[in-house]
N, C-alpha and C. Protein backbone atom coordinates (compact mmCIF):
# COMPACT_ATOMS: atom_id res chain seq x y z
N MET A 1 1.37 -1.33 -0.02
CA MET A 1 -0.39 -0.35 0.11
C MET A 1 1.37 1.31 0.36
N MET A 2 1.65 1.21 0.67
CA MET A 2 2.67 2.20 0.96
C MET A 2 2.86 2.33 -0.86
N GLY A 3 3.42 1.46 -1.89
CA GLY A 3 3.89 2.29 -3.13
C GLY A 3 2.83 3.13 -3.65
N ARG A 4 1.14 2.17 -3.19
CA ARG A 4 0.56 3.30 -4.30
C ARG A 4 0.30 5.01 -3.17
N ARG A 5 0.67 5.19 -2.64
CA ARG A 5 0.75 6.30 -2.53
C ARG A 5 1.74 7.23 -2.37
N MET A 6 3.29 6.73 -2.99
CA MET A 6 3.76 7.37 -3.15
C MET A 6 3.84 7.68 -4.57
N GLY A 7 3.07 6.72 -5.22
CA GLY A 7 2.93 7.34 -6.62
C GLY A 7 1.94 8.19 -7.52
N ARG A 8 0.88 8.37 -5.91
CA ARG A 8 0.14 9.58 -6.73
C ARG A 8 0.31 10.88 -5.87
N ARG A 9 1.24 10.35 -4.79
CA ARG A 9 1.64 11.92 -4.12
C ARG A 9 2.28 13.00 -6.01
N PRO A 10 3.38 11.86 -5.91
CA PRO A 10 4.22 12.53 -7.38
C PRO A 10 2.86 12.78 -9.03
N LEU A 11 1.84 12.26 -8.75
CA LEU A 11 1.40 12.95 -9.95
C LEU A 11 0.62 13.78 -9.35
N MET A 12 0.33 14.20 -8.39
CA MET A 12 -0.78 15.21 -7.66
C MET A 12 0.38 16.50 -7.63
N ARG A 13 1.50 16.12 -7.20
CA ARG A 13 2.11 17.41 -7.92
C ARG A 13 2.37 17.67 -8.37
N VAL A 14 2.44 16.87 -9.57
CA VAL A 14 3.10 17.29 -11.26
C VAL A 14 1.33 18.16 -11.84
N ALA A 15 0.25 17.27 -11.61
CA ALA A 15 -0.99 18.10 -11.51
C ALA A 15 -1.02 19.47 -11.50
N ALA A 16 -1.33 19.65 -10.17
CA ALA A 16 -0.89 20.60 -8.95
C ALA A 16 0.14 22.10 -9.99
N THR A 17 1.03 21.23 -10.18
CA THR A 17 2.73 22.06 -10.61
C THR A 17 2.27 22.31 -12.21
N THR A 18 1.54 21.42 -13.19
CA THR A 18 1.18 21.87 -14.38
C THR A 18 -0.09 23.31 -14.30
N ALA A 19 -1.11 23.06 -13.06
CA ALA A 19 -2.14 23.75 -13.35
C ALA A 19 -1.45 25.30 -12.31
N VAL A 20 -0.49 25.27 -11.76
CA VAL A 20 0.08 26.85 -11.31
C VAL A 20 0.91 27.39 -12.45
N VAL A 21 1.25 26.60 -13.40
CA VAL A 21 2.39 26.86 -14.87
C VAL A 21 1.34 27.77 -15.43
N ALA A 22 0.10 26.63 -16.04
CA ALA A 22 -0.78 27.49 -17.01
C ALA A 22 -1.27 28.59 -16.33
N GLY A 23 -1.77 28.31 -15.25
CA GLY A 23 -3.27 29.66 -14.72
C GLY A 23 -1.53 31.34 -14.18
N THR A 24 -0.33 31.05 -14.22
CA THR A 24 0.35 31.77 -14.47
C THR A 24 0.70 32.34 -15.58
N ALA A 25 1.40 31.63 -16.63
CA ALA A 25 1.16 31.77 -18.46
C ALA A 25 -0.21 32.56 -18.76
N ALA A 26 -1.45 32.22 -18.62
CA ALA A 26 -2.40 32.62 -19.01
C ALA A 26 -2.28 34.10 -18.02
N VAL A 27 -2.70 34.55 -17.28
CA VAL A 27 -1.83 35.75 -16.37
C VAL A 27 -1.02 36.65 -17.29
N VAL A 28 -0.02 35.94 -17.07
CA VAL A 28 1.24 36.84 -17.90
C VAL A 28 0.57 37.50 -19.79
N GLY A 29 -0.22 36.19 -20.24
CA GLY A 29 0.18 36.05 -21.48
C GLY A 29 -1.84 37.07 -21.68
N GLY A 30 -2.31 36.92 -20.97
CA GLY A 30 -3.51 37.87 -20.61
C GLY A 30 -3.03 39.84 -20.56
N GLY A 31 -1.95 39.64 -19.27
CA GLY A 31 -1.07 41.08 -19.88
C GLY A 31 -0.83 41.32 -20.71
N ILE A 32 0.47 40.78 -20.76
CA ILE A 32 0.70 41.14 -22.80
C ILE A 32 -0.53 41.34 -23.50
N GLN A 33 -1.15 40.69 -23.72
CA GLN A 33 -2.52 41.27 -24.84
C GLN A 33 -2.83 42.44 -24.16
N ASN A 34 -2.82 42.79 -23.25
CA ASN A 34 -3.77 43.70 -22.81
C ASN A 34 -2.95 45.63 -22.53
N ARG A 35 -1.56 44.59 -22.33
CA ARG A 35 -0.81 46.31 -22.86
C ARG A 35 -0.20 46.34 -23.91
N GLN A 36 -0.67 45.24 -24.95
CA GLN A 36 -0.97 45.46 -26.54
C GLN A 36 -1.99 46.09 -26.92
N ASN A 37 -3.22 45.60 -26.54
CA ASN A 37 -4.55 47.01 -27.07
C ASN A 37 -4.20 48.37 -26.53
N SER A 38 -3.68 47.77 -24.97
CA SER A 38 -3.57 49.23 -24.92
C SER A 38 -2.89 50.55 -25.28
N ARG A 39 -1.64 50.01 -25.51
CA ARG A 39 -0.22 50.75 -26.46
C ARG A 39 -1.68 50.99 -27.89
N ALA A 40 -1.88 50.45 -28.53
CA ALA A 40 -2.42 50.18 -29.59
C ALA A 40 -3.96 51.35 -29.94
N GLN A 41 -4.41 51.00 -28.53
CA GLN A 41 -5.74 51.92 -28.39
C GLN A 41 -5.42 53.57 -27.69
N GLN A 42 -4.15 54.08 -27.59
CA GLN A 42 -3.19 55.12 -27.16
C GLN A 42 -2.72 55.57 -28.59
N GLN A 43 -2.05 54.74 -29.45
CA GLN A 43 -1.73 55.50 -30.42
C GLN A 43 -3.24 55.88 -31.30
N ALA A 44 -4.00 54.85 -31.48
CA ALA A 44 -5.28 55.14 -32.79
C ALA A 44 -5.59 56.16 -32.03
N GLU A 45 -5.94 56.57 -31.06
CA GLU A 45 -6.30 57.79 -30.22
C GLU A 45 -5.42 59.21 -30.27
N ALA A 46 -4.20 59.07 -30.65
CA ALA A 46 -3.21 59.96 -30.44
C ALA A 46 -3.58 60.18 -32.30
N GLU A 47 -3.64 59.36 -32.93
CA GLU A 47 -3.86 59.67 -34.66
C GLU A 47 -4.92 60.61 -34.94
N ALA A 48 -6.14 60.40 -33.96
CA ALA A 48 -7.05 60.73 -34.57
C ALA A 48 -7.00 62.16 -34.02
N TYR A 49 -6.48 62.34 -32.89
CA TYR A 49 -6.57 63.87 -32.26
C TYR A 49 -5.58 64.53 -33.20
N GLU A 50 -4.57 63.84 -33.82
CA GLU A 50 -3.64 64.69 -34.51
C GLU A 50 -4.47 65.45 -35.82
N GLN A 51 -5.28 64.50 -36.39
CA GLN A 51 -6.11 64.66 -37.41
C GLN A 51 -7.18 65.63 -37.11
N GLN A 52 -7.83 65.74 -36.10
CA GLN A 52 -8.61 66.77 -35.67
C GLN A 52 -7.80 68.71 -35.54
N GLN A 53 -6.94 68.07 -34.64
CA GLN A 53 -6.18 69.88 -34.13
C GLN A 53 -5.36 69.79 -36.30
N GLN A 54 -5.05 69.30 -37.13
CA GLN A 54 -5.21 69.39 -38.68
C GLN A 54 -6.39 69.81 -39.59
N GLN A 55 -7.19 69.12 -38.66
CA GLN A 55 -8.38 70.24 -39.70
C GLN A 55 -9.07 71.18 -39.42
N ALA A 56 -8.87 71.19 -38.20
CA ALA A 56 -9.38 72.46 -37.10
C ALA A 56 -8.52 73.82 -38.32
N GLN A 57 -7.04 73.55 -38.17
CA GLN A 57 -6.01 74.21 -38.66
C GLN A 57 -6.31 74.56 -39.90
N ILE A 58 -6.94 73.47 -41.12
CA ILE A 58 -7.28 74.14 -42.40
C ILE A 58 -8.82 74.67 -41.91
N ASP A 59 -9.49 74.23 -41.27
CA ASP A 59 -11.09 75.41 -41.56
C ASP A 59 -10.95 75.84 -40.79
N ALA A 60 -9.28 76.91 -39.82
CA ALA A 60 -9.54 78.21 -38.91
C ALA A 60 -8.97 79.41 -40.75
N ALA A 61 -7.68 78.48 -41.53
CA ALA A 61 -7.10 79.31 -42.38
C ALA A 61 -8.06 79.24 -44.02
N ALA A 62 -9.40 78.07 -44.00
CA ALA A 62 -10.30 78.92 -44.72
C ALA A 62 -10.69 79.43 -44.37
N ARG A 63 -11.04 79.46 -43.11
CA ARG A 63 -11.86 81.11 -42.29
C ARG A 63 -11.14 82.34 -42.84
N GLN A 64 -10.27 82.40 -42.43
CA GLN A 64 -9.70 83.50 -42.52
C GLN A 64 -9.29 84.26 -43.93
N ALA A 65 -8.59 83.19 -44.86
CA ALA A 65 -9.34 83.74 -46.39
C ALA A 65 -10.43 83.94 -46.71
N ALA A 66 -11.87 83.70 -46.37
CA ALA A 66 -12.83 83.73 -46.60
C ALA A 66 -12.68 85.33 -46.34
N ALA A 67 -12.57 85.59 -45.04
CA ALA A 67 -12.87 86.56 -44.89
C ALA A 67 -11.80 87.91 -45.35
N GLU A 68 -10.59 87.70 -45.72
CA GLU A 68 -9.78 88.01 -46.33
C GLU A 68 -10.42 88.64 -47.58
N GLN A 69 -11.18 87.54 -48.29
CA GLN A 69 -11.34 87.70 -49.66
C GLN A 69 -12.80 88.59 -49.39
N GLN A 70 -13.48 88.67 -48.56
CA GLN A 70 -14.54 89.11 -48.03
C GLN A 70 -14.76 91.22 -47.91
N ALA A 71 -13.23 90.90 -47.14
CA ALA A 71 -12.69 92.86 -47.02
C ALA A 71 -12.33 92.93 -48.20
N TYR A 72 -11.66 92.08 -49.18
CA TYR A 72 -11.80 92.59 -50.39
C TYR A 72 -12.37 92.96 -50.99
N TYR A 73 -13.34 92.13 -51.52
CA TYR A 73 -14.48 92.98 -52.29
C TYR A 73 -15.20 93.85 -52.19
N ALA A 74 -15.32 93.55 -49.74
CA ALA A 74 -16.32 94.87 -49.95
C ALA A 74 -15.44 96.65 -50.30
N GLN A 75 -14.37 96.18 -50.08
CA GLN A 75 -13.54 97.81 -50.32
C GLN A 75 -12.98 97.77 -51.78
N ALA A 76 -12.80 96.97 -52.81
CA ALA A 76 -13.29 96.94 -54.18
C ALA A 76 -13.94 98.02 -55.03
N ALA A 77 -15.45 97.60 -54.75
CA ALA A 77 -16.02 97.98 -55.62
C ALA A 77 -17.04 98.25 -54.68
N PRO A 78 -17.03 99.69 -54.06
CA PRO A 78 -18.18 100.15 -53.44
C PRO A 78 -19.59 100.17 -54.32
N PRO A 79 -21.14 100.41 -53.72
CA PRO A 79 -22.11 100.39 -53.92
C PRO A 79 -22.65 101.42 -54.54
N ALA A 80 -22.62 101.48 -56.24
CA ALA A 80 -22.86 102.58 -57.26
C ALA A 80 -24.24 103.18 -55.98
N PRO A 81 -24.43 104.99 -56.30
CA PRO A 81 -25.38 105.32 -55.45
C PRO A 81 -26.45 105.25 -56.20
N VAL A 82 -27.83 105.14 -55.72
CA VAL A 82 -28.81 104.78 -56.53
C VAL A 82 -29.76 105.78 -56.75
N ALA A 83 -29.41 107.26 -55.85
CA ALA A 83 -29.92 108.30 -56.47
C ALA A 83 -29.09 109.04 -57.73
N ALA A 84 -28.15 108.75 -57.77
CA ALA A 84 -26.90 109.20 -59.02
C ALA A 84 -27.92 108.79 -60.57
N GLU A 85 -28.60 107.24 -60.27
CA GLU A 85 -29.02 106.38 -61.60
C GLU A 85 -30.21 106.73 -61.92
N SER A 86 -31.07 107.26 -60.81
CA SER A 86 -32.42 107.95 -61.12
C SER A 86 -32.47 109.02 -61.12
N ALA A 87 -31.35 110.09 -61.22
CA ALA A 87 -31.73 111.37 -61.50
C ALA A 87 -31.02 111.05 -63.15
N GLY A 88 -29.89 110.38 -63.18
CA GLY A 88 -29.34 110.17 -64.75
C GLY A 88 -30.85 110.17 -65.39
N ASP A 89 -32.14 109.08 -65.04
CA ASP A 89 -32.56 108.32 -65.84
C ASP A 89 -34.12 109.16 -66.00
N GLU A 90 -33.80 110.02 -64.66
CA GLU A 90 -34.93 111.98 -65.33
C GLU A 90 -34.15 112.65 -66.27
N LEU A 91 -33.39 112.63 -66.37
CA LEU A 91 -32.67 113.90 -67.57
C LEU A 91 -33.29 112.96 -68.67
N MET A 92 -32.41 111.93 -68.21
CA MET A 92 -32.79 110.99 -69.99
C MET A 92 -34.20 110.50 -70.33
N GLY A 93 -35.35 110.88 -69.87
CA GLY A 93 -36.55 111.37 -69.41
C GLY A 93 -36.91 112.23 -70.27
N GLN A 94 -36.34 113.80 -69.41
CA GLN A 94 -36.80 114.85 -70.06
C GLN A 94 -36.28 115.42 -71.38
N LEU A 95 -35.10 114.45 -71.88
CA LEU A 95 -34.93 115.11 -73.04
C LEU A 95 -35.50 114.17 -73.58
N GLN A 96 -35.64 112.57 -73.79
CA GLN A 96 -36.61 112.54 -74.44
C GLN A 96 -38.47 113.15 -74.84
N ASN A 97 -38.34 113.27 -73.84
CA ASN A 97 -39.81 114.22 -73.94
C ASN A 97 -39.54 115.64 -74.30
N LEU A 98 -38.72 115.98 -74.88
CA LEU A 98 -38.15 117.58 -75.74
C LEU A 98 -38.35 116.82 -77.22
N ALA A 99 -37.33 115.94 -77.27
CA ALA A 99 -37.34 115.21 -78.55
C ALA A 99 -38.47 115.18 -79.36
N THR A 100 -39.44 114.15 -78.57
CA THR A 100 -40.70 114.39 -79.15
C THR A 100 -41.05 114.77 -79.21
N LEU A 101 -41.73 116.11 -78.41
CA LEU A 101 -42.24 117.58 -78.38
C LEU A 101 -41.86 118.21 -80.25
N HIS A 102 -40.44 118.43 -80.01
CA HIS A 102 -39.56 118.91 -81.56
C HIS A 102 -39.99 118.00 -82.16
N SER A 103 -39.74 116.55 -82.28
CA SER A 103 -40.59 115.96 -83.83
C SER A 103 -41.83 116.40 -83.47
N GLN A 104 -42.11 116.23 -83.06
CA GLN A 104 -44.28 116.42 -83.40
C GLN A 104 -44.00 117.59 -83.86
N GLY A 105 -43.27 118.68 -83.72
CA GLY A 105 -43.26 120.08 -84.21
C GLY A 105 -44.06 121.60 -83.22
N ILE A 106 -44.08 120.64 -82.22
CA ILE A 106 -44.44 121.66 -80.85
C ILE A 106 -43.69 122.24 -80.36
N LEU A 107 -42.22 121.92 -80.47
CA LEU A 107 -41.04 123.10 -80.13
C LEU A 107 -40.46 123.59 -81.44
N SER A 108 -39.74 124.65 -81.58
CA SER A 108 -38.96 124.83 -82.75
C SER A 108 -37.66 124.57 -82.32
N ASP A 109 -37.08 124.43 -83.92
CA ASP A 109 -35.58 124.09 -83.42
C ASP A 109 -35.23 125.29 -81.92
N ASP A 110 -35.06 126.06 -82.05
CA ASP A 110 -34.26 127.58 -80.68
C ASP A 110 -34.95 126.98 -79.79
N GLU A 111 -36.32 126.70 -80.14
CA GLU A 111 -37.10 126.16 -78.27
C GLU A 111 -36.23 124.85 -77.68
N PHE A 112 -36.11 124.06 -78.79
CA PHE A 112 -36.02 122.81 -78.58
C PHE A 112 -34.12 123.15 -77.48
N THR A 113 -33.84 123.39 -78.31
CA THR A 113 -32.32 124.06 -78.01
C THR A 113 -31.89 124.65 -76.97
N ALA A 114 -32.97 125.39 -76.79
CA ALA A 114 -32.51 125.62 -75.71
C ALA A 114 -32.90 125.03 -73.86
N ALA A 115 -34.19 124.13 -74.84
CA ALA A 115 -34.88 123.76 -73.08
C ALA A 115 -33.49 122.65 -73.26
N LYS A 116 -33.05 122.49 -73.92
CA LYS A 116 -31.62 120.86 -73.74
C LYS A 116 -30.77 121.70 -73.13
N ALA A 117 -30.52 122.95 -73.69
CA ALA A 117 -28.85 123.44 -72.73
C ALA A 117 -29.32 123.25 -71.05
N LYS A 118 -30.38 123.99 -70.52
CA LYS A 118 -31.55 124.08 -70.12
C LYS A 118 -31.50 122.80 -69.14
N LEU A 119 -31.54 121.44 -69.50
CA LEU A 119 -31.51 120.42 -68.97
C LEU A 119 -30.52 120.12 -68.24
N LEU A 120 -29.41 120.34 -68.89
CA LEU A 120 -28.19 119.71 -69.13
C LEU A 120 -27.07 120.57 -68.17
N THR A 121 -27.70 121.46 -68.02
CA THR A 121 -26.11 122.92 -67.17
C THR A 121 -26.78 122.69 -65.47
């Protein structure tokens, strides 16, 4: 009977040792995998942050260029005065009326010339 006991003990020790080694390997392997995953995630976050910063710089440059262009065009071409256009239109209308009266014979050549000179001065 003693022979059996001695045979079992080493078998139990081998099984226990194997279990401890396997468990330790799993823990160490899991830790390594976790560190690798963590590093990969940190790298991906850093790349995403860098891309966001670059996009922010591009957006800022585009806004600045648009503002400069708008300022340039605002200075380059001031709007034409509306009153001057309507005054010019009114003068043209009066000259056309005088020409119509002259062509109908209502105004003589001298009257037409005098009225036209009066409008243009």
